[in-house]
Amino acid sequence: MNEIERFAQEVAANVKGLAADRDVQALSRIWVREITRHKYTYNFSWLGRPIIQTPQDMIAMQEIIWRTRPDLIIETGVAHGGSLIYYASLLELMGGDGVVLGIDIDIRAHNRAEIEKHPMAKRIRLFQSSSVDASAVAEARKHVAGGKRVMVVLDSNHTHEHVLKELELYAPFVTKDCYLVVFDTLLDDMPDDLVQNRPWGQGNNPKTAVREFLRRGDRFAIDKDIEHKLLITVAPDGYLKCVKD
């Protein structure tokens, strides 16, 4: 065994230990609950744009993208555009012609202007539409053409109905060994007082949609190792690996 393999085995053992440590897992859930009250994820940016994600999840996304080498990343939910720019910058580092397609029902003018003038804009395509409209799916299909390796990230409307529909529409685009990542599944684990004036909450959120989606087929499996090693994540049970063509 060489040193690289030895280190990989050490990391795997670390992750296994974290998964088995109930106290650490419980403390992490409590910590996530309490930082959510302070809008923790709003505090970070990437190359000048607000990203509205935990740094831990973004490290996980970097690992996934480097390992799976997608040619196309489809993200529903654009907001300030920080995550689009983050994924585009990773594709830029890897070389090739990879692009990120961002779909949102309302791409606000000031956000669009900042995204379009950014150095990473050359790898970003924007499409304004509800992610579950036929026009958005047709746009995604256009970019998928040509045998590309495809990753999908869902981060728009967080109701069960909407996310389940997104899963049904976009999962077929994901290629084997790539990922379909569903953010904000933690909503099912958070007290409803943290989700005020929103149509989603406990029992009606991305995690409930993921559970129903997975019951309907076996093409995807939850990659539990990711959340076990992160501890701090907005996507428990949301890192789905495509295990079948």
C-alpha atoms as a PDB file:
ATOM      1  CA  MET A   1       0.000   0.000   0.000  1.00  0.00           C
ATOM      2  CA  ASN A   2       1.416   3.420  -0.935  1.00  0.00           C
ATOM      3  CA  GLU A   3       1.116   6.578   1.172  1.00  0.00           C
ATOM      4  CA  ILE A   4      -1.787   7.986  -0.851  1.00  0.00           C
ATOM      5  CA  GLU A   5      -3.814   4.817  -0.327  1.00  0.00           C
ATOM      6  CA  ARG A   6      -2.856   4.741   3.339  1.00  0.00           C
ATOM      7  CA  PHE A   7      -4.082   8.303   3.861  1.00  0.00           C
ATOM      8  CA  ALA A   8      -7.363   7.552   2.039  1.00  0.00           C
ATOM      9  CA  GLN A   9      -7.934   4.610   4.362  1.00  0.00           C
ATOM     10  CA  GLU A  10      -7.251   6.818   7.371  1.00  0.00           C
ATOM     11  CA  VAL A  11      -9.836   9.344   6.176  1.00  0.00           C
ATOM     12  CA  ALA A  12     -12.393   6.573   5.589  1.00  0.00           C
ATOM     13  CA  ALA A  13     -11.818   5.341   9.150  1.00  0.00           C
ATOM     14  CA  ASN A  14     -12.247   8.902  10.468  1.00  0.00           C
ATOM     15  CA  VAL A  15     -15.578   9.253   8.664  1.00  0.00           C
ATOM     16  CA  LYS A  16     -16.748   5.880   9.950  1.00  0.00           C
ATOM     17  CA  GLY A  17     -15.884   6.980  13.480  1.00  0.00           C
ATOM     18  CA  LEU A  18     -17.819  10.225  13.103  1.00  0.00           C
ATOM     19  CA  ALA A  19     -20.848   8.322  11.812  1.00  0.00           C
ATOM     20  CA  ALA A  20     -20.791   6.084  14.892  1.00  0.00           C
ATOM     21  CA  ASP A  21     -20.327   8.907  17.404  1.00  0.00           C
ATOM     22  CA  ARG A  22     -23.897   9.722  18.447  1.00  0.00           C
ATOM     23  CA  ASP A  23     -22.831  12.597  20.700  1.00  0.00           C
ATOM     24  CA  VAL A  24     -20.943  14.348  17.890  1.00  0.00           C
ATOM     25  CA  GLN A  25     -23.849  13.833  15.481  1.00  0.00           C
ATOM     26  CA  ALA A  26     -26.338  15.197  18.032  1.00  0.00           C
ATOM     27  CA  LEU A  27     -24.169  18.207  18.864  1.00  0.00           C
ATOM     28  CA  SER A  28     -23.843  18.970  15.163  1.00  0.00           C
ATOM     29  CA  ARG A  29     -27.622  18.945  14.695  1.00  0.00           C
ATOM     30  CA  ILE A  30     -28.029  21.277  17.684  1.00  0.00           C
ATOM     31  CA  TRP A  31     -25.333  23.595  16.369  1.00  0.00           C
ATOM     32  CA  VAL A  32     -26.953  23.761  12.926  1.00  0.00           C
ATOM     33  CA  ARG A  33     -30.318  24.509  14.523  1.00  0.00           C
ATOM     34  CA  GLU A  34     -28.950  27.380  16.566  1.00  0.00           C
ATOM     35  CA  ILE A  35     -26.826  28.987  13.834  1.00  0.00           C
ATOM     36  CA  THR A  36     -29.860  28.916  11.550  1.00  0.00           C
ATOM     37  CA  ARG A  37     -31.489  31.438  13.879  1.00  0.00           C
ATOM     38  CA  HIS A  38     -28.648  33.819  12.957  1.00  0.00           C
ATOM     39  CA  LYS A  39     -28.846  33.270   9.176  1.00  0.00           C
ATOM     40  CA  TYR A  40     -25.365  31.763   9.282  1.00  0.00           C
ATOM     41  CA  THR A  41     -25.361  30.780   5.603  1.00  0.00           C
ATOM     42  CA  TYR A  42     -25.872  34.420   4.556  1.00  0.00           C
ATOM     43  CA  ASN A  43     -22.427  35.379   5.831  1.00  0.00           C
ATOM     44  CA  PHE A  44     -20.242  33.995   3.028  1.00  0.00           C
ATOM     45  CA  SER A  45     -19.367  34.889  -0.553  1.00  0.00           C
ATOM     46  CA  TRP A  46     -17.390  33.419  -3.424  1.00  0.00           C
ATOM     47  CA  LEU A  47     -15.347  35.681  -5.714  1.00  0.00           C
ATOM     48  CA  GLY A  48     -17.438  38.660  -4.678  1.00  0.00           C
ATOM     49  CA  ARG A  49     -20.973  37.214  -4.778  1.00  0.00           C
ATOM     50  CA  PRO A  50     -23.080  36.023  -1.823  1.00  0.00           C
ATOM     51  CA  ILE A  51     -23.249  32.224  -1.889  1.00  0.00           C
ATOM     52  CA  ILE A  52     -25.818  31.519   0.892  1.00  0.00           C
ATOM     53  CA  GLN A  53     -24.469  28.060   1.700  1.00  0.00           C
ATOM     54  CA  THR A  54     -22.371  26.580   4.471  1.00  0.00           C
ATOM     55  CA  PRO A  55     -18.639  26.457   3.700  1.00  0.00           C
ATOM     56  CA  GLN A  56     -18.760  22.764   4.615  1.00  0.00           C
ATOM     57  CA  ASP A  57     -21.285  21.984   1.877  1.00  0.00           C
ATOM     58  CA  MET A  58     -19.266  23.944  -0.640  1.00  0.00           C
ATOM     59  CA  ILE A  59     -16.162  21.907   0.185  1.00  0.00           C
ATOM     60  CA  ALA A  60     -18.239  18.772  -0.401  1.00  0.00           C
ATOM     61  CA  MET A  61     -19.404  20.137  -3.753  1.00  0.00           C
ATOM     62  CA  GLN A  62     -15.786  20.833  -4.732  1.00  0.00           C
ATOM     63  CA  GLU A  63     -14.825  17.260  -3.903  1.00  0.00           C
ATOM     64  CA  ILE A  64     -17.755  15.877  -5.906  1.00  0.00           C
ATOM     65  CA  ILE A  65     -17.124  18.075  -8.942  1.00  0.00           C
ATOM     66  CA  TRP A  66     -13.389  17.312  -9.012  1.00  0.00           C
ATOM     67  CA  ARG A  67     -14.025  13.571  -8.676  1.00  0.00           C
ATOM     68  CA  THR A  68     -16.910  13.236 -11.145  1.00  0.00           C
ATOM     69  CA  ARG A  69     -15.824  15.837 -13.747  1.00  0.00           C
ATOM     70  CA  PRO A  70     -19.250  16.959 -15.012  1.00  0.00           C
ATOM     71  CA  ASP A  71     -19.446  18.807 -18.320  1.00  0.00           C
ATOM     72  CA  LEU A  72     -22.721  20.444 -17.289  1.00  0.00           C
ATOM     73  CA  ILE A  73     -24.050  21.484 -13.891  1.00  0.00           C
ATOM     74  CA  ILE A  74     -27.731  22.414 -13.790  1.00  0.00           C
ATOM     75  CA  GLU A  75     -28.784  24.451 -10.753  1.00  0.00           C
ATOM     76  CA  THR A  76     -32.344  25.474  -9.967  1.00  0.00           C
ATOM     77  CA  GLY A  77     -32.428  28.578  -7.812  1.00  0.00           C
ATOM     78  CA  VAL A  78     -30.028  31.421  -8.660  1.00  0.00           C
ATOM     79  CA  ALA A  79     -30.483  34.075  -5.924  1.00  0.00           C
ATOM     80  CA  HIS A  80     -27.310  36.236  -5.883  1.00  0.00           C
ATOM     81  CA  GLY A  81     -25.449  33.846  -8.166  1.00  0.00           C
ATOM     82  CA  GLY A  82     -22.618  32.943  -5.798  1.00  0.00           C
ATOM     83  CA  SER A  83     -23.039  29.206  -6.171  1.00  0.00           C
ATOM     84  CA  LEU A  84     -23.211  29.464  -9.975  1.00  0.00           C
ATOM     85  CA  ILE A  85     -19.941  31.381  -9.922  1.00  0.00           C
ATOM     86  CA  TYR A  86     -18.425  28.862  -7.502  1.00  0.00           C
ATOM     87  CA  TYR A  87     -19.252  25.896  -9.741  1.00  0.00           C
ATOM     88  CA  ALA A  88     -18.131  27.806 -12.836  1.00  0.00           C
ATOM     89  CA  SER A  89     -14.778  28.611 -11.215  1.00  0.00           C
ATOM     90  CA  LEU A  90     -14.216  24.929 -10.446  1.00  0.00           C
ATOM     91  CA  LEU A  91     -14.995  24.024 -14.047  1.00  0.00           C
ATOM     92  CA  GLU A  92     -12.585  26.747 -15.166  1.00  0.00           C
ATOM     93  CA  LEU A  93      -9.806  25.252 -13.030  1.00  0.00           C
ATOM     94  CA  MET A  94     -10.420  21.820 -14.529  1.00  0.00           C
ATOM     95  CA  GLY A  95     -10.281  23.097 -18.091  1.00  0.00           C
ATOM     96  CA  GLY A  96     -12.490  21.916 -20.923  1.00  0.00           C
ATOM     97  CA  ASP A  97     -15.783  23.434 -21.992  1.00  0.00           C
ATOM     98  CA  GLY A  98     -17.922  22.814 -18.895  1.00  0.00           C
ATOM     99  CA  VAL A  99     -20.802  25.199 -18.186  1.00  0.00           C
ATOM    100  CA  VAL A 100     -23.329  25.878 -15.444  1.00  0.00           C
ATOM    101  CA  LEU A 101     -26.997  26.427 -16.292  1.00  0.00           C
ATOM    102  CA  GLY A 102     -28.861  28.475 -13.683  1.00  0.00           C
ATOM    103  CA  ILE A 103     -32.667  28.365 -13.725  1.00  0.00           C
ATOM    104  CA  ASP A 104     -34.798  30.676 -11.583  1.00  0.00           C
ATOM    105  CA  ILE A 105     -38.345  31.965 -11.738  1.00  0.00           C
ATOM    106  CA  ASP A 106     -37.114  35.488 -10.898  1.00  0.00           C
ATOM    107  CA  ILE A 107     -33.548  36.483 -11.756  1.00  0.00           C
ATOM    108  CA  ARG A 108     -33.492  39.990 -10.344  1.00  0.00           C
ATOM    109  CA  ALA A 109     -31.939  42.652 -12.543  1.00  0.00           C
ATOM    110  CA  HIS A 110     -29.179  43.642 -10.105  1.00  0.00           C
ATOM    111  CA  ASN A 111     -28.158  40.011  -9.598  1.00  0.00           C
ATOM    112  CA  ARG A 112     -28.186  39.283 -13.319  1.00  0.00           C
ATOM    113  CA  ALA A 113     -26.008  42.340 -13.951  1.00  0.00           C
ATOM    114  CA  GLU A 114     -23.427  41.204 -11.387  1.00  0.00           C
ATOM    115  CA  ILE A 115     -23.368  37.650 -12.717  1.00  0.00           C
ATOM    116  CA  GLU A 116     -23.090  38.706 -16.343  1.00  0.00           C
ATOM    117  CA  LYS A 117     -20.140  41.034 -15.721  1.00  0.00           C
ATOM    118  CA  HIS A 118     -18.251  38.499 -13.593  1.00  0.00           C
ATOM    119  CA  PRO A 119     -15.080  36.868 -14.998  1.00  0.00           C
ATOM    120  CA  MET A 120     -16.787  33.474 -14.705  1.00  0.00           C
ATOM    121  CA  ALA A 121     -19.789  34.588 -16.785  1.00  0.00           C
ATOM    122  CA  LYS A 122     -18.318  32.847 -19.823  1.00  0.00           C
ATOM    123  CA  ARG A 123     -19.184  29.503 -18.205  1.00  0.00           C
ATOM    124  CA  ILE A 124     -22.660  30.495 -16.953  1.00  0.00           C
ATOM    125  CA  ARG A 125     -25.974  30.350 -18.775  1.00  0.00           C
ATOM    126  CA  LEU A 126     -29.082  31.909 -17.188  1.00  0.00           C
ATOM    127  CA  PHE A 127     -32.682  30.950 -17.896  1.00  0.00           C
ATOM    128  CA  GLN A 128     -35.625  32.691 -16.242  1.00  0.00           C
ATOM    129  CA  SER A 129     -38.559  30.386 -15.671  1.00  0.00           C
ATOM    130  CA  SER A 130     -40.078  28.194 -13.023  1.00  0.00           C
ATOM    131  CA  SER A 131     -37.834  25.159 -12.880  1.00  0.00           C
ATOM    132  CA  VAL A 132     -40.823  22.864 -13.380  1.00  0.00           C
ATOM    133  CA  ASP A 133     -42.106  24.620 -16.503  1.00  0.00           C
ATOM    134  CA  ALA A 134     -41.743  22.778 -19.792  1.00  0.00           C
ATOM    135  CA  SER A 135     -39.612  25.610 -21.186  1.00  0.00           C
ATOM    136  CA  ALA A 136     -37.004  25.194 -18.425  1.00  0.00           C
ATOM    137  CA  VAL A 137     -36.809  21.442 -18.922  1.00  0.00           C
ATOM    138  CA  ALA A 138     -36.477  21.952 -22.677  1.00  0.00           C
ATOM    139  CA  GLU A 139     -33.624  24.421 -22.085  1.00  0.00           C
ATOM    140  CA  ALA A 140     -31.864  21.907 -19.839  1.00  0.00           C
ATOM    141  CA  ARG A 141     -32.342  19.155 -22.423  1.00  0.00           C
ATOM    142  CA  LYS A 142     -30.735  21.404 -25.053  1.00  0.00           C
ATOM    143  CA  HIS A 143     -27.595  21.753 -22.924  1.00  0.00           C
ATOM    144  CA  VAL A 144     -27.508  18.047 -22.065  1.00  0.00           C
ATOM    145  CA  ALA A 145     -27.330  17.008 -25.718  1.00  0.00           C
ATOM    146  CA  GLY A 146     -24.098  15.453 -26.953  1.00  0.00           C
ATOM    147  CA  GLY A 147     -23.381  12.832 -24.325  1.00  0.00           C
ATOM    148  CA  LYS A 148     -22.330  15.236 -21.571  1.00  0.00           C
ATOM    149  CA  ARG A 149     -21.656  14.188 -17.985  1.00  0.00           C
ATOM    150  CA  VAL A 150     -24.351  15.963 -16.007  1.00  0.00           C
ATOM    151  CA  MET A 151     -24.762  16.995 -12.363  1.00  0.00           C
ATOM    152  CA  VAL A 152     -27.962  18.574 -10.992  1.00  0.00           C
ATOM    153  CA  VAL A 153     -28.386  20.826  -7.943  1.00  0.00           C
ATOM    154  CA  LEU A 154     -31.875  21.644  -6.625  1.00  0.00           C
ATOM    155  CA  ASP A 155     -32.195  24.795  -4.511  1.00  0.00           C
ATOM    156  CA  SER A 156     -35.323  26.706  -5.477  1.00  0.00           C
ATOM    157  CA  ASN A 157     -38.864  26.426  -4.043  1.00  0.00           C
ATOM    158  CA  HIS A 158     -38.534  24.081  -1.043  1.00  0.00           C
ATOM    159  CA  THR A 159     -42.055  22.623  -0.858  1.00  0.00           C
ATOM    160  CA  HIS A 160     -42.477  18.854  -1.098  1.00  0.00           C
ATOM    161  CA  GLU A 161     -44.588  19.117  -4.251  1.00  0.00           C
ATOM    162  CA  HIS A 162     -42.159  21.391  -6.086  1.00  0.00           C
ATOM    163  CA  VAL A 163     -38.998  19.492  -5.186  1.00  0.00           C
ATOM    164  CA  LEU A 164     -40.582  16.146  -6.024  1.00  0.00           C
ATOM    165  CA  LYS A 165     -41.544  17.519  -9.426  1.00  0.00           C
ATOM    166  CA  GLU A 166     -37.992  18.806  -9.949  1.00  0.00           C
ATOM    167  CA  LEU A 167     -36.632  15.386  -9.023  1.00  0.00           C
ATOM    168  CA  GLU A 168     -38.905  13.711 -11.544  1.00  0.00           C
ATOM    169  CA  LEU A 169     -37.972  16.169 -14.294  1.00  0.00           C
ATOM    170  CA  TYR A 170     -34.218  16.600 -13.780  1.00  0.00           C
ATOM    171  CA  ALA A 171     -33.072  13.246 -12.378  1.00  0.00           C
ATOM    172  CA  PRO A 172     -33.139  11.644 -15.855  1.00  0.00           C
ATOM    173  CA  PHE A 173     -30.440  14.108 -16.962  1.00  0.00           C
ATOM    174  CA  VAL A 174     -27.937  12.968 -14.303  1.00  0.00           C
ATOM    175  CA  THR A 175     -25.327  10.553 -15.613  1.00  0.00           C
ATOM    176  CA  LYS A 176     -24.104   7.458 -13.794  1.00  0.00           C
ATOM    177  CA  ASP A 177     -21.645   8.158 -10.956  1.00  0.00           C
ATOM    178  CA  CYS A 178     -22.562  11.854 -10.982  1.00  0.00           C
ATOM    179  CA  TYR A 179     -24.684  13.504  -8.299  1.00  0.00           C
ATOM    180  CA  LEU A 180     -28.111  15.007  -7.825  1.00  0.00           C
ATOM    181  CA  VAL A 181     -27.817  17.311  -4.796  1.00  0.00           C
ATOM    182  CA  VAL A 182     -30.932  18.507  -2.984  1.00  0.00           C
ATOM    183  CA  PHE A 183     -30.213  21.419  -0.667  1.00  0.00           C
ATOM    184  CA  ASP A 184     -32.159  22.453   2.457  1.00  0.00           C
ATOM    185  CA  THR A 185     -33.316  18.962   3.350  1.00  0.00           C
ATOM    186  CA  LEU A 186     -32.473  20.043   6.914  1.00  0.00           C
ATOM    187  CA  LEU A 187     -35.835  21.837   6.999  1.00  0.00           C
ATOM    188  CA  ASP A 188     -37.396  18.561   8.106  1.00  0.00           C
ATOM    189  CA  ASP A 189     -35.116  18.554  11.161  1.00  0.00           C
ATOM    190  CA  MET A 190     -35.655  22.189  12.159  1.00  0.00           C
ATOM    191  CA  PRO A 191     -38.407  23.522  14.460  1.00  0.00           C
ATOM    192  CA  ASP A 192     -41.132  25.303  12.534  1.00  0.00           C
ATOM    193  CA  ASP A 193     -40.458  28.576  14.358  1.00  0.00           C
ATOM    194  CA  LEU A 194     -37.318  28.852  12.216  1.00  0.00           C
ATOM    195  CA  VAL A 195     -39.410  28.755   9.031  1.00  0.00           C
ATOM    196  CA  GLN A 196     -41.828  31.640   9.323  1.00  0.00           C
ATOM    197  CA  ASN A 197     -43.960  33.004   6.492  1.00  0.00           C
ATOM    198  CA  ARG A 198     -42.870  30.214   4.154  1.00  0.00           C
ATOM    199  CA  PRO A 199     -44.996  27.528   2.477  1.00  0.00           C
ATOM    200  CA  TRP A 200     -42.599  24.771   3.638  1.00  0.00           C
ATOM    201  CA  GLY A 201     -41.688  23.293   7.018  1.00  0.00           C
ATOM    202  CA  GLN A 202     -41.617  19.983   8.866  1.00  0.00           C
ATOM    203  CA  GLY A 203     -43.381  17.307   6.816  1.00  0.00           C
ATOM    204  CA  ASN A 204     -43.390  19.485   3.678  1.00  0.00           C
ATOM    205  CA  ASN A 205     -39.866  20.105   2.412  1.00  0.00           C
ATOM    206  CA  PRO A 206     -37.030  18.782   0.233  1.00  0.00           C
ATOM    207  CA  LYS A 207     -36.250  15.841   2.531  1.00  0.00           C
ATOM    208  CA  THR A 208     -39.804  14.508   2.385  1.00  0.00           C
ATOM    209  CA  ALA A 209     -39.629  14.843  -1.414  1.00  0.00           C
ATOM    210  CA  VAL A 210     -36.315  12.939  -1.511  1.00  0.00           C
ATOM    211  CA  ARG A 211     -37.794  10.109   0.555  1.00  0.00           C
ATOM    212  CA  GLU A 212     -40.752   9.732  -1.790  1.00  0.00           C
ATOM    213  CA  PHE A 213     -38.537   9.986  -4.869  1.00  0.00           C
ATOM    214  CA  LEU A 214     -36.206   7.249  -3.625  1.00  0.00           C
ATOM    215  CA  ARG A 215     -39.130   4.943  -2.862  1.00  0.00           C
ATOM    216  CA  ARG A 216     -40.108   5.109  -6.523  1.00  0.00           C
ATOM    217  CA  GLY A 217     -36.852   3.773  -7.990  1.00  0.00           C
ATOM    218  CA  ASP A 218     -33.337   2.545  -7.362  1.00  0.00           C
ATOM    219  CA  ARG A 219     -31.281   4.675  -9.746  1.00  0.00           C
ATOM    220  CA  PHE A 220     -30.049   6.942  -6.931  1.00  0.00           C
ATOM    221  CA  ALA A 221     -28.665   6.261  -3.468  1.00  0.00           C
ATOM    222  CA  ILE A 222     -27.939   8.621  -0.567  1.00  0.00           C
ATOM    223  CA  ASP A 223     -24.209   9.127  -0.042  1.00  0.00           C
ATOM    224  CA  LYS A 224     -24.266   9.175   3.765  1.00  0.00           C
ATOM    225  CA  ASP A 225     -20.477   9.435   4.038  1.00  0.00           C
ATOM    226  CA  ILE A 226     -20.645  13.042   2.862  1.00  0.00           C
ATOM    227  CA  GLU A 227     -22.895  14.256   5.663  1.00  0.00           C
ATOM    228  CA  HIS A 228     -21.098  12.086   8.232  1.00  0.00           C
ATOM    229  CA  LYS A 229     -17.795  13.782   7.516  1.00  0.00           C
ATOM    230  CA  LEU A 230     -19.235  17.274   7.116  1.00  0.00           C
ATOM    231  CA  LEU A 231     -21.282  17.227  10.343  1.00  0.00           C
ATOM    232  CA  ILE A 232     -22.434  20.744   9.446  1.00  0.00           C
ATOM    233  CA  THR A 233     -24.663  20.549   6.360  1.00  0.00           C
ATOM    234  CA  VAL A 234     -27.928  21.927   5.021  1.00  0.00           C
ATOM    235  CA  ALA A 235     -28.375  18.759   2.961  1.00  0.00           C
ATOM    236  CA  PRO A 236     -28.706  15.678   5.210  1.00  0.00           C
ATOM    237  CA  ASP A 237     -29.916  12.819   2.960  1.00  0.00           C
ATOM    238  CA  GLY A 238     -29.618  15.255   0.063  1.00  0.00           C
ATOM    239  CA  TYR A 239     -26.414  14.049  -1.590  1.00  0.00           C
ATOM    240  CA  LEU A 240     -27.764  11.522  -4.082  1.00  0.00           C
ATOM    241  CA  LYS A 241     -25.367   9.513  -6.212  1.00  0.00           C
ATOM    242  CA  CYS A 242     -26.556   8.106  -9.532  1.00  0.00           C
ATOM    243  CA  VAL A 243     -25.725   4.402  -9.300  1.00  0.00           C
ATOM    244  CA  LYS A 244     -27.407   3.158 -12.495  1.00  0.00           C
ATOM    245  CA  ASP A 245     -27.510   4.269 -16.130  1.00  0.00           C
END
